[in-house]
Amino acid sequence: MRISDDRYHRERLRMELALRFLVHEARTHTIRAWTGLSDDRIRKLYRSYVRHARLHLPRHRGKSPHQVAYFTRSLRLQQESAALASVLMLLGVLPAQAAEAAVPLPGLQRGAALCEAFEAYRAVIPAAQISFEHAVFLACALSSGELLRLGACTDCGSVMVTERFPARVTRCQQCVQAPRTPAPGGAPQADGGRPH
């Protein structure tokens, strides 16, 4: 009886997580990777949920986002990426220790935390440009550390999402655009008095 209860509980968690991913317009292969459900079960869940809720949830096809340059394309996306990465870290989606990075990110517990992080991020930035699929890609890329990493602006210390091996000194766009004032010794420095 205990084994069947555990199995039922895990199956229910999978279905609940799949529904949350569907609401956030995740692709079928993304839902499969995080829940372990088959494509057929995901499609049936989608059809029954849409029919029951009488909603139109778009189903995206094709490849998931995979270009790291997306997160640094503009000042707005850089700021949104940093905000989302901070929430992902705070809610435990990203591994706390480097040793945990070897553990695959997709799973039920981290999937639920990913949904909570994305929902919190969208509550703070309602008109956000980063989609749920981009959030999944950002979480996986930051977790592996092969393409992207969390860093800090060399001037103000604010959190930044950067390439793993940046070609130049890492400064946030606000510090790059801030007028530089001469330091007491004559060397120019960024205006550190501005809030970020």
C-alpha atoms as a PDB file:
ATOM      1  CA  MET A   1       0.000   0.000   0.000  1.00  0.00           C
ATOM      2  CA  ARG A   2       2.804   2.403   0.885  1.00  0.00           C
ATOM      3  CA  ILE A   3       4.576   1.859  -2.453  1.00  0.00           C
ATOM      4  CA  SER A   4       1.392   2.533  -4.418  1.00  0.00           C
ATOM      5  CA  ASP A   5       0.714   5.690  -2.338  1.00  0.00           C
ATOM      6  CA  ASP A   6       4.196   7.010  -3.121  1.00  0.00           C
ATOM      7  CA  ARG A   7       3.765   6.182  -6.789  1.00  0.00           C
ATOM      8  CA  TYR A   8       0.371   7.926  -6.892  1.00  0.00           C
ATOM      9  CA  HIS A   9       1.784  10.981  -5.114  1.00  0.00           C
ATOM     10  CA  ARG A  10       4.711  11.228  -7.546  1.00  0.00           C
ATOM     11  CA  GLU A  11       2.398  10.806 -10.526  1.00  0.00           C
ATOM     12  CA  ARG A  12       0.138  13.585  -9.207  1.00  0.00           C
ATOM     13  CA  LEU A  13       3.170  15.876  -8.778  1.00  0.00           C
ATOM     14  CA  ARG A  14       4.196  15.165 -12.377  1.00  0.00           C
ATOM     15  CA  MET A  15       0.737  16.041 -13.693  1.00  0.00           C
ATOM     16  CA  GLU A  16       0.554  19.231 -11.590  1.00  0.00           C
ATOM     17  CA  LEU A  17       3.975  20.354 -12.785  1.00  0.00           C
ATOM     18  CA  ALA A  18       3.076  19.572 -16.409  1.00  0.00           C
ATOM     19  CA  LEU A  19      -0.049  21.726 -16.052  1.00  0.00           C
ATOM     20  CA  ARG A  20       2.004  24.625 -14.697  1.00  0.00           C
ATOM     21  CA  PHE A  21       4.426  24.284 -17.598  1.00  0.00           C
ATOM     22  CA  LEU A  22       1.486  24.206 -20.051  1.00  0.00           C
ATOM     23  CA  VAL A  23       0.057  27.410 -18.553  1.00  0.00           C
ATOM     24  CA  HIS A  24       3.462  29.032 -19.129  1.00  0.00           C
ATOM     25  CA  GLU A  25       3.350  27.836 -22.774  1.00  0.00           C
ATOM     26  CA  ALA A  26       6.266  25.398 -22.506  1.00  0.00           C
ATOM     27  CA  ARG A  27       6.986  23.105 -25.426  1.00  0.00           C
ATOM     28  CA  THR A  28       6.192  19.407 -25.180  1.00  0.00           C
ATOM     29  CA  HIS A  29       9.833  18.308 -25.085  1.00  0.00           C
ATOM     30  CA  THR A  30      10.526  20.780 -22.246  1.00  0.00           C
ATOM     31  CA  ILE A  31       7.622  19.382 -20.228  1.00  0.00           C
ATOM     32  CA  ARG A  32       8.818  15.834 -20.923  1.00  0.00           C
ATOM     33  CA  ALA A  33      12.361  16.637 -19.745  1.00  0.00           C
ATOM     34  CA  TRP A  34      11.182  18.136 -16.436  1.00  0.00           C
ATOM     35  CA  THR A  35       8.296  15.759 -15.620  1.00  0.00           C
ATOM     36  CA  GLY A  36       9.163  12.442 -17.265  1.00  0.00           C
ATOM     37  CA  LEU A  37       5.682  12.243 -18.826  1.00  0.00           C
ATOM     38  CA  SER A  38       5.325  10.861 -22.342  1.00  0.00           C
ATOM     39  CA  ASP A  39       4.451  13.145 -25.258  1.00  0.00           C
ATOM     40  CA  ASP A  40       1.092  11.387 -25.577  1.00  0.00           C
ATOM     41  CA  ARG A  41       0.183  12.025 -21.925  1.00  0.00           C
ATOM     42  CA  ILE A  42       1.216  15.674 -22.247  1.00  0.00           C
ATOM     43  CA  ARG A  43      -0.981  16.147 -25.327  1.00  0.00           C
ATOM     44  CA  LYS A  44      -3.937  14.478 -23.600  1.00  0.00           C
ATOM     45  CA  LEU A  45      -3.411  16.620 -20.519  1.00  0.00           C
ATOM     46  CA  TYR A  46      -3.315  19.737 -22.702  1.00  0.00           C
ATOM     47  CA  ARG A  47      -6.532  18.805 -24.526  1.00  0.00           C
ATOM     48  CA  SER A  48      -8.444  17.966 -21.341  1.00  0.00           C
ATOM     49  CA  TYR A  49      -7.174  21.072 -19.524  1.00  0.00           C
ATOM     50  CA  VAL A  50      -8.016  23.453 -22.381  1.00  0.00           C
ATOM     51  CA  ARG A  51     -11.449  21.899 -22.790  1.00  0.00           C
ATOM     52  CA  HIS A  52     -12.148  22.068 -19.053  1.00  0.00           C
ATOM     53  CA  ALA A  53     -10.749  25.589 -18.506  1.00  0.00           C
ATOM     54  CA  ARG A  54     -12.141  26.923 -21.795  1.00  0.00           C
ATOM     55  CA  LEU A  55      -8.889  28.758 -22.415  1.00  0.00           C
ATOM     56  CA  HIS A  56      -6.699  29.113 -25.455  1.00  0.00           C
ATOM     57  CA  LEU A  57      -3.120  28.276 -24.576  1.00  0.00           C
ATOM     58  CA  PRO A  58      -0.820  28.531 -27.580  1.00  0.00           C
ATOM     59  CA  ARG A  59       1.343  25.485 -28.260  1.00  0.00           C
ATOM     60  CA  HIS A  60       4.795  26.423 -29.508  1.00  0.00           C
ATOM     61  CA  ARG A  61       6.563  24.059 -31.857  1.00  0.00           C
ATOM     62  CA  GLY A  62      10.151  23.660 -32.929  1.00  0.00           C
ATOM     63  CA  LYS A  63      13.363  24.100 -31.016  1.00  0.00           C
ATOM     64  CA  SER A  64      13.533  25.761 -27.643  1.00  0.00           C
ATOM     65  CA  PRO A  65      15.663  28.914 -27.328  1.00  0.00           C
ATOM     66  CA  HIS A  66      19.374  28.113 -27.423  1.00  0.00           C
ATOM     67  CA  GLN A  67      21.304  31.338 -28.125  1.00  0.00           C
ATOM     68  CA  VAL A  68      23.084  32.853 -25.127  1.00  0.00           C
ATOM     69  CA  ALA A  69      23.429  36.191 -26.929  1.00  0.00           C
ATOM     70  CA  TYR A  70      19.681  36.718 -26.385  1.00  0.00           C
ATOM     71  CA  PHE A  71      20.266  37.589 -22.717  1.00  0.00           C
ATOM     72  CA  THR A  72      22.764  40.351 -23.489  1.00  0.00           C
ATOM     73  CA  ARG A  73      21.179  41.715 -26.656  1.00  0.00           C
ATOM     74  CA  SER A  74      19.869  44.940 -25.107  1.00  0.00           C
ATOM     75  CA  LEU A  75      20.013  46.891 -21.857  1.00  0.00           C
ATOM     76  CA  ARG A  76      16.491  45.778 -21.009  1.00  0.00           C
ATOM     77  CA  LEU A  77      17.245  42.090 -21.567  1.00  0.00           C
ATOM     78  CA  GLN A  78      20.449  42.364 -19.545  1.00  0.00           C
ATOM     79  CA  GLN A  79      18.511  43.847 -16.631  1.00  0.00           C
ATOM     80  CA  GLU A  80      15.694  41.283 -16.933  1.00  0.00           C
ATOM     81  CA  SER A  81      18.207  38.422 -17.142  1.00  0.00           C
ATOM     82  CA  ALA A  82      19.930  39.617 -13.971  1.00  0.00           C
ATOM     83  CA  ALA A  83      16.587  39.954 -12.164  1.00  0.00           C
ATOM     84  CA  LEU A  84      15.423  36.496 -13.254  1.00  0.00           C
ATOM     85  CA  ALA A  85      18.778  34.903 -12.381  1.00  0.00           C
ATOM     86  CA  SER A  86      18.590  36.445  -8.901  1.00  0.00           C
ATOM     87  CA  VAL A  87      15.125  34.959  -8.330  1.00  0.00           C
ATOM     88  CA  LEU A  88      16.245  31.577  -9.704  1.00  0.00           C
ATOM     89  CA  MET A  89      19.107  31.591  -7.219  1.00  0.00           C
ATOM     90  CA  LEU A  90      16.965  32.736  -4.279  1.00  0.00           C
ATOM     91  CA  LEU A  91      14.321  30.050  -4.842  1.00  0.00           C
ATOM     92  CA  GLY A  92      16.840  27.222  -5.187  1.00  0.00           C
ATOM     93  CA  VAL A  93      16.476  26.514  -8.885  1.00  0.00           C
ATOM     94  CA  LEU A  94      20.207  27.041  -9.405  1.00  0.00           C
ATOM     95  CA  PRO A  95      22.560  24.778  -7.464  1.00  0.00           C
ATOM     96  CA  ALA A  96      24.009  26.453  -4.378  1.00  0.00           C
ATOM     97  CA  GLN A  97      27.335  24.632  -4.591  1.00  0.00           C
ATOM     98  CA  ALA A  98      29.536  23.826  -7.557  1.00  0.00           C
ATOM     99  CA  ALA A  99      29.350  20.117  -6.589  1.00  0.00           C
ATOM    100  CA  GLU A 100      25.577  20.191  -7.129  1.00  0.00           C
ATOM    101  CA  ALA A 101      26.059  21.438 -10.685  1.00  0.00           C
ATOM    102  CA  ALA A 102      26.843  17.851 -11.722  1.00  0.00           C
ATOM    103  CA  VAL A 103      23.270  16.885 -10.759  1.00  0.00           C
ATOM    104  CA  PRO A 104      20.908  17.297 -13.735  1.00  0.00           C
ATOM    105  CA  LEU A 105      18.725  20.377 -13.293  1.00  0.00           C
ATOM    106  CA  PRO A 106      15.389  19.038 -14.607  1.00  0.00           C
ATOM    107  CA  GLY A 107      13.268  17.341 -11.963  1.00  0.00           C
ATOM    108  CA  LEU A 108       9.988  17.744 -10.112  1.00  0.00           C
ATOM    109  CA  GLN A 109      11.240  19.744  -7.139  1.00  0.00           C
ATOM    110  CA  ARG A 110      13.371  22.140  -9.170  1.00  0.00           C
ATOM    111  CA  GLY A 111      10.629  22.324 -11.816  1.00  0.00           C
ATOM    112  CA  ALA A 112       8.145  23.569  -9.227  1.00  0.00           C
ATOM    113  CA  ALA A 113      10.733  26.072  -7.960  1.00  0.00           C
ATOM    114  CA  LEU A 114      11.341  27.183 -11.561  1.00  0.00           C
ATOM    115  CA  CYS A 115       7.622  27.913 -11.991  1.00  0.00           C
ATOM    116  CA  GLU A 116       7.552  29.850  -8.718  1.00  0.00           C
ATOM    117  CA  ALA A 117      10.617  31.848  -9.769  1.00  0.00           C
ATOM    118  CA  PHE A 118       9.156  32.673 -13.181  1.00  0.00           C
ATOM    119  CA  GLU A 119       5.811  33.667 -11.652  1.00  0.00           C
ATOM    120  CA  ALA A 120       7.564  35.920  -9.112  1.00  0.00           C
ATOM    121  CA  TYR A 121       9.682  37.448 -11.890  1.00  0.00           C
ATOM    122  CA  ARG A 122       6.562  38.168 -13.993  1.00  0.00           C
ATOM    123  CA  ALA A 123       4.803  39.676 -10.968  1.00  0.00           C
ATOM    124  CA  VAL A 124       7.691  42.143 -10.563  1.00  0.00           C
ATOM    125  CA  ILE A 125       8.119  42.752 -14.325  1.00  0.00           C
ATOM    126  CA  PRO A 126       4.648  42.213 -15.890  1.00  0.00           C
ATOM    127  CA  ALA A 127       5.743  43.266 -19.392  1.00  0.00           C
ATOM    128  CA  ALA A 128       8.857  41.086 -19.304  1.00  0.00           C
ATOM    129  CA  GLN A 129      10.418  40.069 -22.608  1.00  0.00           C
ATOM    130  CA  ILE A 130      11.855  36.787 -21.312  1.00  0.00           C
ATOM    131  CA  SER A 131       9.483  33.886 -21.965  1.00  0.00           C
ATOM    132  CA  PHE A 132       9.193  30.767 -19.832  1.00  0.00           C
ATOM    133  CA  GLU A 133      11.191  28.773 -22.397  1.00  0.00           C
ATOM    134  CA  HIS A 134      13.953  31.388 -22.208  1.00  0.00           C
ATOM    135  CA  ALA A 135      13.817  31.136 -18.405  1.00  0.00           C
ATOM    136  CA  VAL A 136      14.297  27.355 -18.650  1.00  0.00           C
ATOM    137  CA  PHE A 137      17.262  27.870 -20.982  1.00  0.00           C
ATOM    138  CA  LEU A 138      18.767  30.526 -18.681  1.00  0.00           C
ATOM    139  CA  ALA A 139      18.426  28.249 -15.629  1.00  0.00           C
ATOM    140  CA  CYS A 140      20.053  25.301 -17.429  1.00  0.00           C
ATOM    141  CA  ALA A 141      22.851  27.439 -18.913  1.00  0.00           C
ATOM    142  CA  LEU A 142      23.664  29.058 -15.562  1.00  0.00           C
ATOM    143  CA  SER A 143      23.513  25.699 -13.804  1.00  0.00           C
ATOM    144  CA  SER A 144      25.967  24.031 -16.173  1.00  0.00           C
ATOM    145  CA  GLY A 145      28.209  27.099 -16.325  1.00  0.00           C
ATOM    146  CA  GLU A 146      29.446  26.111 -19.779  1.00  0.00           C
ATOM    147  CA  LEU A 147      28.013  29.117 -21.634  1.00  0.00           C
ATOM    148  CA  LEU A 148      26.767  31.591 -19.043  1.00  0.00           C
ATOM    149  CA  ARG A 149      27.577  32.441 -15.445  1.00  0.00           C
ATOM    150  CA  LEU A 150      26.490  34.829 -12.741  1.00  0.00           C
ATOM    151  CA  GLY A 151      28.925  37.668 -12.263  1.00  0.00           C
ATOM    152  CA  ALA A 152      29.094  41.131 -10.801  1.00  0.00           C
ATOM    153  CA  CYS A 153      29.642  44.528 -12.357  1.00  0.00           C
ATOM    154  CA  THR A 154      33.241  45.578 -11.706  1.00  0.00           C
ATOM    155  CA  ASP A 155      32.084  49.143 -10.912  1.00  0.00           C
ATOM    156  CA  CYS A 156      28.907  48.841  -8.827  1.00  0.00           C
ATOM    157  CA  GLY A 157      28.823  45.128  -7.920  1.00  0.00           C
ATOM    158  CA  SER A 158      25.290  44.520  -9.239  1.00  0.00           C
ATOM    159  CA  VAL A 159      24.418  40.970 -10.370  1.00  0.00           C
ATOM    160  CA  MET A 160      24.962  40.288 -14.055  1.00  0.00           C
ATOM    161  CA  VAL A 161      24.528  37.378 -16.411  1.00  0.00           C
ATOM    162  CA  THR A 162      27.717  37.129 -18.450  1.00  0.00           C
ATOM    163  CA  GLU A 163      29.392  34.777 -20.859  1.00  0.00           C
ATOM    164  CA  ARG A 164      31.625  32.237 -19.186  1.00  0.00           C
ATOM    165  CA  PHE A 165      34.814  33.848 -20.487  1.00  0.00           C
ATOM    166  CA  PRO A 166      33.985  37.488 -21.218  1.00  0.00           C
ATOM    167  CA  ALA A 167      36.296  39.184 -23.712  1.00  0.00           C
ATOM    168  CA  ARG A 168      36.470  42.407 -21.682  1.00  0.00           C
ATOM    169  CA  VAL A 169      35.958  43.774 -18.188  1.00  0.00           C
ATOM    170  CA  THR A 170      32.396  43.138 -17.100  1.00  0.00           C
ATOM    171  CA  ARG A 171      30.417  46.300 -16.413  1.00  0.00           C
ATOM    172  CA  CYS A 172      26.643  46.667 -16.364  1.00  0.00           C
ATOM    173  CA  GLN A 173      25.053  48.895 -18.990  1.00  0.00           C
ATOM    174  CA  GLN A 174      24.169  51.543 -16.417  1.00  0.00           C
ATOM    175  CA  CYS A 175      27.820  51.887 -15.393  1.00  0.00           C
ATOM    176  CA  VAL A 176      28.913  51.870 -19.039  1.00  0.00           C
ATOM    177  CA  GLN A 177      26.487  54.710 -19.789  1.00  0.00           C
ATOM    178  CA  ALA A 178      27.210  56.661 -16.594  1.00  0.00           C
ATOM    179  CA  PRO A 179      29.420  59.716 -16.997  1.00  0.00           C
ATOM    180  CA  ARG A 180      32.849  59.083 -15.572  1.00  0.00           C
ATOM    181  CA  THR A 181      34.078  61.620 -13.030  1.00  0.00           C
ATOM    182  CA  PRO A 182      37.732  62.229 -12.220  1.00  0.00           C
ATOM    183  CA  ALA A 183      38.885  60.598  -8.988  1.00  0.00           C
ATOM    184  CA  PRO A 184      40.830  62.657  -6.432  1.00  0.00           C
ATOM    185  CA  GLY A 185      44.062  61.343  -7.932  1.00  0.00           C
ATOM    186  CA  GLY A 186      43.011  62.389 -11.429  1.00  0.00           C
ATOM    187  CA  ALA A 187      42.036  58.917 -12.757  1.00  0.00           C
ATOM    188  CA  PRO A 188      38.469  58.785 -14.088  1.00  0.00           C
ATOM    189  CA  GLN A 189      35.979  56.542 -12.289  1.00  0.00           C
ATOM    190  CA  ALA A 190      32.345  55.704 -12.750  1.00  0.00           C
ATOM    191  CA  ASP A 191      29.802  57.705 -10.827  1.00  0.00           C
ATOM    192  CA  GLY A 192      29.233  55.425  -7.825  1.00  0.00           C
ATOM    193  CA  GLY A 193      26.591  57.636  -6.228  1.00  0.00           C
ATOM    194  CA  ARG A 194      23.824  56.736  -8.643  1.00  0.00           C
ATOM    195  CA  PRO A 195      21.325  54.102  -7.501  1.00  0.00           C
ATOM    196  CA  HIS A 196      21.056  51.022  -9.723  1.00  0.00           C
END
